[in-house]
Amino acid sequence: MYKPDPIDTTNIELPNDLLDLTEKIAKNVHEHWAVGRVRSGWVYGEVRDDVKKTTPCLVPYEELSESEKEYDRVTAMETLRLIVALGYRITKE
């Protein structure tokens, strides 16, 4: 049986400039997800239907529900924390 074992990032505090980056990454994550869905034949629909390939999430990021945005934000935040936990530094030029 599979037991998830992600790298522990709970002790990683991100500086404010990286916190600001989280929303941009979250939006980009959604955009890449949407491109993949469209390429696979999915279209917008009021309800998710795996057979008909419809989903209400095929909308611009700004139109997503807060719970859907939060899913992408968590992905972004954990990615940034992992990068820092692994010893990398993120700088802006």
PDB file of N, CA and C in Angstrom:
ATOM      1  N   MET A   1       0.842  -1.181   0.000  1.00  0.00           N
ATOM      2  CA  MET A   1       0.000   0.000   0.000  1.00  0.00           C
ATOM      3  C   MET A   1       0.891   1.251   0.000  1.00  0.00           C
ATOM      4  N   TYR A   2       0.551   2.174  -0.858  1.00  0.00           N
ATOM      5  CA  TYR A   2       1.300   3.427  -0.990  1.00  0.00           C
ATOM      6  C   TYR A   2       1.084   4.319   0.220  1.00  0.00           C
ATOM      7  N   LYS A   3       2.189   4.817   0.776  1.00  0.00           N
ATOM      8  CA  LYS A   3       2.119   5.750   1.895  1.00  0.00           C
ATOM      9  C   LYS A   3       2.860   7.024   1.485  1.00  0.00           C
ATOM     10  N   PRO A   4       2.127   8.126   1.243  1.00  0.00           N
ATOM     11  CA  PRO A   4       2.788   9.368   0.842  1.00  0.00           C
ATOM     12  C   PRO A   4       3.827   9.806   1.873  1.00  0.00           C
ATOM     13  N   ASP A   5       4.965  10.301   1.400  1.00  0.00           N
ATOM     14  CA  ASP A   5       6.048  10.713   2.279  1.00  0.00           C
ATOM     15  C   ASP A   5       6.736  11.964   1.729  1.00  0.00           C
ATOM     16  N   PRO A   6       6.013  13.102   1.715  1.00  0.00           N
ATOM     17  CA  PRO A   6       6.631  14.316   1.183  1.00  0.00           C
ATOM     18  C   PRO A   6       7.734  14.824   2.103  1.00  0.00           C
ATOM     19  N   ILE A   7       8.653  15.576   1.537  1.00  0.00           N
ATOM     20  CA  ILE A   7       9.695  16.212   2.342  1.00  0.00           C
ATOM     21  C   ILE A   7       9.027  17.209   3.276  1.00  0.00           C
ATOM     22  N   ASP A   8       9.414  17.185   4.534  1.00  0.00           N
ATOM     23  CA  ASP A   8       8.824  18.068   5.536  1.00  0.00           C
ATOM     24  C   ASP A   8       9.296  19.503   5.314  1.00  0.00           C
ATOM     25  N   THR A   9       8.350  20.383   5.048  1.00  0.00           N
ATOM     26  CA  THR A   9       8.675  21.794   4.833  1.00  0.00           C
ATOM     27  C   THR A   9       8.008  22.687   5.881  1.00  0.00           C
ATOM     28  N   THR A  10       7.490  22.081   6.926  1.00  0.00           N
ATOM     29  CA  THR A  10       6.734  22.861   7.911  1.00  0.00           C
ATOM     30  C   THR A  10       7.573  23.907   8.630  1.00  0.00           C
ATOM     31  N   ASN A  11       8.880  23.701   8.707  1.00  0.00           N
ATOM     32  CA  ASN A  11       9.732  24.665   9.405  1.00  0.00           C
ATOM     33  C   ASN A  11      10.291  25.742   8.479  1.00  0.00           C
ATOM     34  N   ILE A  12       9.902  25.712   7.213  1.00  0.00           N
ATOM     35  CA  ILE A  12      10.407  26.688   6.243  1.00  0.00           C
ATOM     36  C   ILE A  12       9.495  27.914   6.223  1.00  0.00           C
ATOM     37  N   GLU A  13      10.072  29.065   6.547  1.00  0.00           N
ATOM     38  CA  GLU A  13       9.348  30.325   6.448  1.00  0.00           C
ATOM     39  C   GLU A  13       9.871  31.066   5.233  1.00  0.00           C
ATOM     40  N   LEU A  14       8.959  31.453   4.377  1.00  0.00           N
ATOM     41  CA  LEU A  14       9.359  32.148   3.163  1.00  0.00           C
ATOM     42  C   LEU A  14       9.385  33.653   3.387  1.00  0.00           C
ATOM     43  N   PRO A  15      10.361  34.334   2.799  1.00  0.00           N
ATOM     44  CA  PRO A  15      10.371  35.795   2.881  1.00  0.00           C
ATOM     45  C   PRO A  15       9.181  36.376   2.116  1.00  0.00           C
ATOM     46  N   ASN A  16       8.808  37.593   2.455  1.00  0.00           N
ATOM     47  CA  ASN A  16       7.624  38.222   1.856  1.00  0.00           C
ATOM     48  C   ASN A  16       7.654  38.270   0.341  1.00  0.00           C
ATOM     49  N   ASP A  17       8.829  38.495  -0.251  1.00  0.00           N
ATOM     50  CA  ASP A  17       8.867  38.567  -1.710  1.00  0.00           C
ATOM     51  C   ASP A  17       8.510  37.224  -2.347  1.00  0.00           C
ATOM     52  N   LEU A  18       8.832  36.129  -1.677  1.00  0.00           N
ATOM     53  CA  LEU A  18       8.432  34.818  -2.205  1.00  0.00           C
ATOM     54  C   LEU A  18       6.963  34.545  -1.940  1.00  0.00           C
ATOM     55  N   LEU A  19       6.433  35.062  -0.854  1.00  0.00           N
ATOM     56  CA  LEU A  19       5.002  34.921  -0.604  1.00  0.00           C
ATOM     57  C   LEU A  19       4.213  35.611  -1.707  1.00  0.00           C
ATOM     58  N   ASP A  20       4.700  36.767  -2.148  1.00  0.00           N
ATOM     59  CA  ASP A  20       4.038  37.483  -3.244  1.00  0.00           C
ATOM     60  C   ASP A  20       4.081  36.673  -4.538  1.00  0.00           C
ATOM     61  N   LEU A  21       5.137  35.912  -4.721  1.00  0.00           N
ATOM     62  CA  LEU A  21       5.297  35.090  -5.916  1.00  0.00           C
ATOM     63  C   LEU A  21       4.300  33.928  -5.958  1.00  0.00           C
ATOM     64  N   THR A  22       3.817  33.528  -4.807  1.00  0.00           N
ATOM     65  CA  THR A  22       2.909  32.383  -4.715  1.00  0.00           C
ATOM     66  C   THR A  22       1.690  32.531  -5.619  1.00  0.00           C
ATOM     67  N   GLU A  23       1.068  33.688  -5.615  1.00  0.00           N
ATOM     68  CA  GLU A  23      -0.152  33.893  -6.412  1.00  0.00           C
ATOM     69  C   GLU A  23       0.151  33.803  -7.910  1.00  0.00           C
ATOM     70  N   LYS A  24       1.295  34.311  -8.332  1.00  0.00           N
ATOM     71  CA  LYS A  24       1.659  34.223  -9.745  1.00  0.00           C
ATOM     72  C   LYS A  24       1.896  32.773 -10.158  1.00  0.00           C
ATOM     73  N   ILE A  25       2.543  32.024  -9.285  1.00  0.00           N
ATOM     74  CA  ILE A  25       2.776  30.606  -9.578  1.00  0.00           C
ATOM     75  C   ILE A  25       1.445  29.857  -9.595  1.00  0.00           C
ATOM     76  N   ALA A  26       0.576  30.147  -8.642  1.00  0.00           N
ATOM     77  CA  ALA A  26      -0.726  29.482  -8.583  1.00  0.00           C
ATOM     78  C   ALA A  26      -1.509  29.709  -9.869  1.00  0.00           C
ATOM     79  N   LYS A  27      -1.508  30.939 -10.358  1.00  0.00           N
ATOM     80  CA  LYS A  27      -2.212  31.239 -11.611  1.00  0.00           C
ATOM     81  C   LYS A  27      -1.595  30.456 -12.760  1.00  0.00           C
ATOM     82  N   ASN A  28      -0.268  30.394 -12.809  1.00  0.00           N
ATOM     83  CA  ASN A  28       0.396  29.674 -13.886  1.00  0.00           C
ATOM     84  C   ASN A  28       0.137  28.171 -13.814  1.00  0.00           C
ATOM     85  N   VAL A  29       0.084  27.636 -12.610  1.00  0.00           N
ATOM     86  CA  VAL A  29      -0.263  26.216 -12.428  1.00  0.00           C
ATOM     87  C   VAL A  29      -1.639  25.949 -13.035  1.00  0.00           C
ATOM     88  N   HIS A  30      -2.585  26.837 -12.736  1.00  0.00           N
ATOM     89  CA  HIS A  30      -3.941  26.671 -13.285  1.00  0.00           C
ATOM     90  C   HIS A  30      -3.919  26.750 -14.812  1.00  0.00           C
ATOM     91  N   GLU A  31      -3.160  27.709 -15.350  1.00  0.00           N
ATOM     92  CA  GLU A  31      -3.096  27.869 -16.806  1.00  0.00           C
ATOM     93  C   GLU A  31      -2.539  26.609 -17.470  1.00  0.00           C
ATOM     94  N   HIS A  32      -1.491  26.019 -16.897  1.00  0.00           N
ATOM     95  CA  HIS A  32      -0.935  24.784 -17.462  1.00  0.00           C
ATOM     96  C   HIS A  32      -1.919  23.625 -17.340  1.00  0.00           C
ATOM     97  N   TRP A  33      -2.605  23.546 -16.210  1.00  0.00           N
ATOM     98  CA  TRP A  33      -3.629  22.507 -16.037  1.00  0.00           C
ATOM     99  C   TRP A  33      -4.700  22.656 -17.115  1.00  0.00           C
ATOM    100  N   ALA A  34      -5.153  23.901 -17.331  1.00  0.00           N
ATOM    101  CA  ALA A  34      -6.218  24.157 -18.303  1.00  0.00           C
ATOM    102  C   ALA A  34      -5.779  23.796 -19.729  1.00  0.00           C
ATOM    103  N   VAL A  35      -4.549  24.131 -20.086  1.00  0.00           N
ATOM    104  CA  VAL A  35      -4.032  23.776 -21.413  1.00  0.00           C
ATOM    105  C   VAL A  35      -4.075  22.261 -21.599  1.00  0.00           C
ATOM    106  N   GLY A  36      -3.633  21.529 -20.586  1.00  0.00           N
ATOM    107  CA  GLY A  36      -3.663  20.067 -20.662  1.00  0.00           C
ATOM    108  C   GLY A  36      -5.065  19.511 -20.811  1.00  0.00           C
ATOM    109  N   ARG A  37      -5.996  20.077 -20.073  1.00  0.00           N
ATOM    110  CA  ARG A  37      -7.391  19.631 -20.174  1.00  0.00           C
ATOM    111  C   ARG A  37      -7.946  19.883 -21.571  1.00  0.00           C
ATOM    112  N   VAL A  38      -7.735  21.092 -22.080  1.00  0.00           N
ATOM    113  CA  VAL A  38      -8.253  21.432 -23.406  1.00  0.00           C
ATOM    114  C   VAL A  38      -7.650  20.514 -24.458  1.00  0.00           C
ATOM    115  N   ARG A  39      -6.355  20.262 -24.366  1.00  0.00           N
ATOM    116  CA  ARG A  39      -5.700  19.349 -25.325  1.00  0.00           C
ATOM    117  C   ARG A  39      -6.272  17.938 -25.258  1.00  0.00           C
ATOM    118  N   SER A  40      -6.775  17.580 -24.076  1.00  0.00           N
ATOM    119  CA  SER A  40      -7.349  16.239 -23.899  1.00  0.00           C
ATOM    120  C   SER A  40      -8.828  16.191 -24.229  1.00  0.00           C
ATOM    121  N   GLY A  41      -9.360  17.300 -24.740  1.00  0.00           N
ATOM    122  CA  GLY A  41     -10.753  17.306 -25.175  1.00  0.00           C
ATOM    123  C   GLY A  41     -11.762  17.786 -24.146  1.00  0.00           C
ATOM    124  N   TRP A  42     -11.295  18.298 -23.013  1.00  0.00           N
ATOM    125  CA  TRP A  42     -12.208  18.797 -21.992  1.00  0.00           C
ATOM    126  C   TRP A  42     -12.736  20.166 -22.391  1.00  0.00           C
ATOM    127  N   VAL A  43     -13.964  20.461 -21.936  1.00  0.00           N
ATOM    128  CA  VAL A  43     -14.598  21.754 -22.168  1.00  0.00           C
ATOM    129  C   VAL A  43     -15.251  22.221 -20.880  1.00  0.00           C
ATOM    130  N   TYR A  44     -15.596  23.506 -20.873  1.00  0.00           N
ATOM    131  CA  TYR A  44     -16.298  24.050 -19.714  1.00  0.00           C
ATOM    132  C   TYR A  44     -17.673  23.399 -19.614  1.00  0.00           C
ATOM    133  N   GLY A  45     -18.073  23.110 -18.379  1.00  0.00           N
ATOM    134  CA  GLY A  45     -19.417  22.616 -18.103  1.00  0.00           C
ATOM    135  C   GLY A  45     -19.788  22.987 -16.684  1.00  0.00           C
ATOM    136  N   GLU A  46     -21.049  23.125 -16.409  1.00  0.00           N
ATOM    137  CA  GLU A  46     -21.530  23.530 -15.080  1.00  0.00           C
ATOM    138  C   GLU A  46     -21.101  22.546 -13.988  1.00  0.00           C
ATOM    139  N   VAL A  47     -20.997  21.263 -14.357  1.00  0.00           N
ATOM    140  CA  VAL A  47     -20.575  20.241 -13.393  1.00  0.00           C
ATOM    141  C   VAL A  47     -19.468  19.392 -14.020  1.00  0.00           C
ATOM    142  N   ARG A  48     -18.650  18.817 -13.153  1.00  0.00           N
ATOM    143  CA  ARG A  48     -17.598  17.932 -13.656  1.00  0.00           C
ATOM    144  C   ARG A  48     -18.229  16.610 -14.079  1.00  0.00           C
ATOM    145  N   ASP A  49     -17.861  16.176 -15.256  1.00  0.00           N
ATOM    146  CA  ASP A  49     -18.330  14.909 -15.786  1.00  0.00           C
ATOM    147  C   ASP A  49     -17.160  14.285 -16.533  1.00  0.00           C
ATOM    148  N   ASP A  50     -16.571  13.231 -15.959  1.00  0.00           N
ATOM    149  CA  ASP A  50     -15.401  12.603 -16.558  1.00  0.00           C
ATOM    150  C   ASP A  50     -15.705  11.927 -17.891  1.00  0.00           C
ATOM    151  N   VAL A  51     -16.941  11.483 -18.082  1.00  0.00           N
ATOM    152  CA  VAL A  51     -17.307  10.828 -19.338  1.00  0.00           C
ATOM    153  C   VAL A  51     -17.475  11.870 -20.442  1.00  0.00           C
ATOM    154  N   LYS A  52     -18.202  12.946 -20.138  1.00  0.00           N
ATOM    155  CA  LYS A  52     -18.414  14.007 -21.126  1.00  0.00           C
ATOM    156  C   LYS A  52     -17.242  14.974 -21.218  1.00  0.00           C
ATOM    157  N   LYS A  53     -16.305  14.831 -20.289  1.00  0.00           N
ATOM    158  CA  LYS A  53     -15.135  15.699 -20.209  1.00  0.00           C
ATOM    159  C   LYS A  53     -15.532  17.173 -20.062  1.00  0.00           C
ATOM    160  N   THR A  54     -16.358  17.426 -19.059  1.00  0.00           N
ATOM    161  CA  THR A  54     -16.721  18.803 -18.737  1.00  0.00           C
ATOM    162  C   THR A  54     -16.274  19.114 -17.312  1.00  0.00           C
ATOM    163  N   THR A  55     -15.907  20.378 -17.101  1.00  0.00           N
ATOM    164  CA  THR A  55     -15.498  20.819 -15.777  1.00  0.00           C
ATOM    165  C   THR A  55     -15.799  22.305 -15.616  1.00  0.00           C
ATOM    166  N   PRO A  56     -16.260  22.700 -14.447  1.00  0.00           N
ATOM    167  CA  PRO A  56     -16.502  24.123 -14.204  1.00  0.00           C
ATOM    168  C   PRO A  56     -15.215  24.906 -13.948  1.00  0.00           C
ATOM    169  N   CYS A  57     -14.093  24.224 -13.904  1.00  0.00           N
ATOM    170  CA  CYS A  57     -12.811  24.886 -13.611  1.00  0.00           C
ATOM    171  C   CYS A  57     -12.098  25.392 -14.859  1.00  0.00           C
ATOM    172  N   LEU A  58     -12.660  25.164 -16.027  1.00  0.00           N
ATOM    173  CA  LEU A  58     -12.047  25.686 -17.250  1.00  0.00           C
ATOM    174  C   LEU A  58     -12.478  27.136 -17.453  1.00  0.00           C
ATOM    175  N   VAL A  59     -11.997  27.969 -16.556  1.00  0.00           N
ATOM    176  CA  VAL A  59     -12.244  29.411 -16.578  1.00  0.00           C
ATOM    177  C   VAL A  59     -10.939  30.096 -16.210  1.00  0.00           C
ATOM    178  N   PRO A  60     -10.827  31.393 -16.476  1.00  0.00           N
ATOM    179  CA  PRO A  60      -9.625  32.100 -16.028  1.00  0.00           C
ATOM    180  C   PRO A  60      -9.450  31.962 -14.517  1.00  0.00           C
ATOM    181  N   TYR A  61      -8.210  31.969 -14.072  1.00  0.00           N
ATOM    182  CA  TYR A  61      -7.884  31.806 -12.650  1.00  0.00           C
ATOM    183  C   TYR A  61      -8.704  32.734 -11.768  1.00  0.00           C
ATOM    184  N   GLU A  62      -8.851  33.982 -12.212  1.00  0.00           N
ATOM    185  CA  GLU A  62      -9.566  34.981 -11.419  1.00  0.00           C
ATOM    186  C   GLU A  62     -11.024  34.605 -11.186  1.00  0.00           C
ATOM    187  N   GLU A  63     -11.586  33.746 -12.030  1.00  0.00           N
ATOM    188  CA  GLU A  63     -12.987  33.342 -11.904  1.00  0.00           C
ATOM    189  C   GLU A  63     -13.179  32.049 -11.110  1.00  0.00           C
ATOM    190  N   LEU A  64     -12.098  31.418 -10.707  1.00  0.00           N
ATOM    191  CA  LEU A  64     -12.204  30.199  -9.899  1.00  0.00           C
ATOM    192  C   LEU A  64     -12.774  30.529  -8.525  1.00  0.00           C
ATOM    193  N   SER A  65     -13.381  29.540  -7.911  1.00  0.00           N
ATOM    194  CA  SER A  65     -13.819  29.694  -6.527  1.00  0.00           C
ATOM    195  C   SER A  65     -12.579  29.823  -5.645  1.00  0.00           C
ATOM    196  N   GLU A  66     -12.739  30.383  -4.477  1.00  0.00           N
ATOM    197  CA  GLU A  66     -11.601  30.530  -3.564  1.00  0.00           C
ATOM    198  C   GLU A  66     -11.021  29.166  -3.185  1.00  0.00           C
ATOM    199  N   SER A  67     -11.864  28.148  -3.063  1.00  0.00           N
ATOM    200  CA  SER A  67     -11.345  26.824  -2.707  1.00  0.00           C
ATOM    201  C   SER A  67     -10.479  26.249  -3.827  1.00  0.00           C
ATOM    202  N   GLU A  68     -10.840  26.494  -5.075  1.00  0.00           N
ATOM    203  CA  GLU A  68     -10.021  26.036  -6.199  1.00  0.00           C
ATOM    204  C   GLU A  68      -8.711  26.821  -6.264  1.00  0.00           C
ATOM    205  N   LYS A  69      -8.781  28.132  -6.042  1.00  0.00           N
ATOM    206  CA  LYS A  69      -7.563  28.945  -6.022  1.00  0.00           C
ATOM    207  C   LYS A  69      -6.638  28.471  -4.905  1.00  0.00           C
ATOM    208  N   GLU A  70      -7.216  28.136  -3.763  1.00  0.00           N
ATOM    209  CA  GLU A  70      -6.409  27.706  -2.614  1.00  0.00           C
ATOM    210  C   GLU A  70      -5.645  26.429  -2.930  1.00  0.00           C
ATOM    211  N   TYR A  71      -6.250  25.524  -3.681  1.00  0.00           N
ATOM    212  CA  TYR A  71      -5.575  24.288  -4.086  1.00  0.00           C
ATOM    213  C   TYR A  71      -4.296  24.637  -4.858  1.00  0.00           C
ATOM    214  N   ASP A  72      -4.403  25.576  -5.811  1.00  0.00           N
ATOM    215  CA  ASP A  72      -3.235  25.987  -6.595  1.00  0.00           C
ATOM    216  C   ASP A  72      -2.237  26.752  -5.738  1.00  0.00           C
ATOM    217  N   ARG A  73      -2.727  27.553  -4.804  1.00  0.00           N
ATOM    218  CA  ARG A  73      -1.826  28.296  -3.916  1.00  0.00           C
ATOM    219  C   ARG A  73      -1.006  27.351  -3.037  1.00  0.00           C
ATOM    220  N   VAL A  74      -1.638  26.318  -2.529  1.00  0.00           N
ATOM    221  CA  VAL A  74      -0.929  25.338  -1.696  1.00  0.00           C
ATOM    222  C   VAL A  74       0.153  24.648  -2.521  1.00  0.00           C
ATOM    223  N   THR A  75      -0.171  24.286  -3.749  1.00  0.00           N
ATOM    224  CA  THR A  75       0.821  23.673  -4.633  1.00  0.00           C
ATOM    225  C   THR A  75       2.002  24.612  -4.830  1.00  0.00           C
ATOM    226  N   ALA A  76       1.723  25.875  -5.099  1.00  0.00           N
ATOM    227  CA  ALA A  76       2.780  26.866  -5.306  1.00  0.00           C
ATOM    228  C   ALA A  76       3.617  27.047  -4.047  1.00  0.00           C
ATOM    229  N   MET A  77       2.945  27.213  -2.914  1.00  0.00           N
ATOM    230  CA  MET A  77       3.634  27.453  -1.650  1.00  0.00           C
ATOM    231  C   MET A  77       4.526  26.264  -1.278  1.00  0.00           C
ATOM    232  N   GLU A  78       4.017  25.069  -1.420  1.00  0.00           N
ATOM    233  CA  GLU A  78       4.809  23.886  -1.080  1.00  0.00           C
ATOM    234  C   GLU A  78       5.991  23.716  -2.024  1.00  0.00           C
ATOM    235  N   THR A  79       5.824  24.094  -3.274  1.00  0.00           N
ATOM    236  CA  THR A  79       6.936  24.027  -4.218  1.00  0.00           C
ATOM    237  C   THR A  79       8.038  24.994  -3.806  1.00  0.00           C
ATOM    238  N   LEU A  80       7.654  26.223  -3.456  1.00  0.00           N
ATOM    239  CA  LEU A  80       8.642  27.201  -3.011  1.00  0.00           C
ATOM    240  C   LEU A  80       9.335  26.743  -1.728  1.00  0.00           C
ATOM    241  N   ARG A  81       8.561  26.216  -0.796  1.00  0.00           N
ATOM    242  CA  ARG A  81       9.154  25.729   0.458  1.00  0.00           C
ATOM    243  C   ARG A  81      10.124  24.584   0.200  1.00  0.00           C
ATOM    244  N   LEU A  82       9.767  23.701  -0.700  1.00  0.00           N
ATOM    245  CA  LEU A  82      10.647  22.574  -1.035  1.00  0.00           C
ATOM    246  C   LEU A  82      11.955  23.074  -1.630  1.00  0.00           C
ATOM    247  N   ILE A  83      11.878  24.036  -2.539  1.00  0.00           N
ATOM    248  CA  ILE A  83      13.090  24.587  -3.147  1.00  0.00           C
ATOM    249  C   ILE A  83      14.018  25.132  -2.062  1.00  0.00           C
ATOM    250  N   VAL A  84      13.458  25.882  -1.122  1.00  0.00           N
ATOM    251  CA  VAL A  84      14.257  26.453  -0.028  1.00  0.00           C
ATOM    252  C   VAL A  84      14.778  25.346   0.884  1.00  0.00           C
ATOM    253  N   ALA A  85      13.945  24.365   1.192  1.00  0.00           N
ATOM    254  CA  ALA A  85      14.347  23.262   2.071  1.00  0.00           C
ATOM    255  C   ALA A  85      15.506  22.466   1.482  1.00  0.00           C
ATOM    256  N   LEU A  86      15.568  22.402   0.175  1.00  0.00           N
ATOM    257  CA  LEU A  86      16.638  21.662  -0.490  1.00  0.00           C
ATOM    258  C   LEU A  86      17.922  22.483  -0.621  1.00  0.00           C
ATOM    259  N   GLY A  87      17.886  23.706  -0.101  1.00  0.00           N
ATOM    260  CA  GLY A  87      19.100  24.509  -0.070  1.00  0.00           C
ATOM    261  C   GLY A  87      19.264  25.505  -1.205  1.00  0.00           C
ATOM    262  N   TYR A  88      18.264  25.630  -2.042  1.00  0.00           N
ATOM    263  CA  TYR A  88      18.346  26.592  -3.135  1.00  0.00           C
ATOM    264  C   TYR A  88      17.929  27.971  -2.665  1.00  0.00           C
ATOM    265  N   ARG A  89      18.437  28.975  -3.353  1.00  0.00           N
ATOM    266  CA  ARG A  89      18.044  30.348  -3.093  1.00  0.00           C
ATOM    267  C   ARG A  89      17.346  30.875  -4.319  1.00  0.00           C
ATOM    268  N   ILE A  90      16.278  31.591  -4.094  1.00  0.00           N
ATOM    269  CA  ILE A  90      15.536  32.179  -5.210  1.00  0.00           C
ATOM    270  C   ILE A  90      15.771  33.683  -5.141  1.00  0.00           C
ATOM    271  N   THR A  91      16.296  34.228  -6.231  1.00  0.00           N
ATOM    272  CA  THR A  91      16.545  35.663  -6.271  1.00  0.00           C
ATOM    273  C   THR A  91      15.906  36.255  -7.515  1.00  0.00           C
ATOM    274  N   LYS A  92      15.565  37.504  -7.447  1.00  0.00           N
ATOM    275  CA  LYS A  92      14.983  38.217  -8.576  1.00  0.00           C
ATOM    276  C   LYS A  92      15.999  39.215  -9.096  1.00  0.00           C
ATOM    277  N   GLU A  93      16.175  39.231 -10.381  1.00  0.00           N
ATOM    278  CA  GLU A  93      17.115  40.183 -10.985  1.00  0.00           C
ATOM    279  C   GLU A  93      16.393  41.392 -11.505  1.00  0.00           C
TER     280      GLU A  93
END
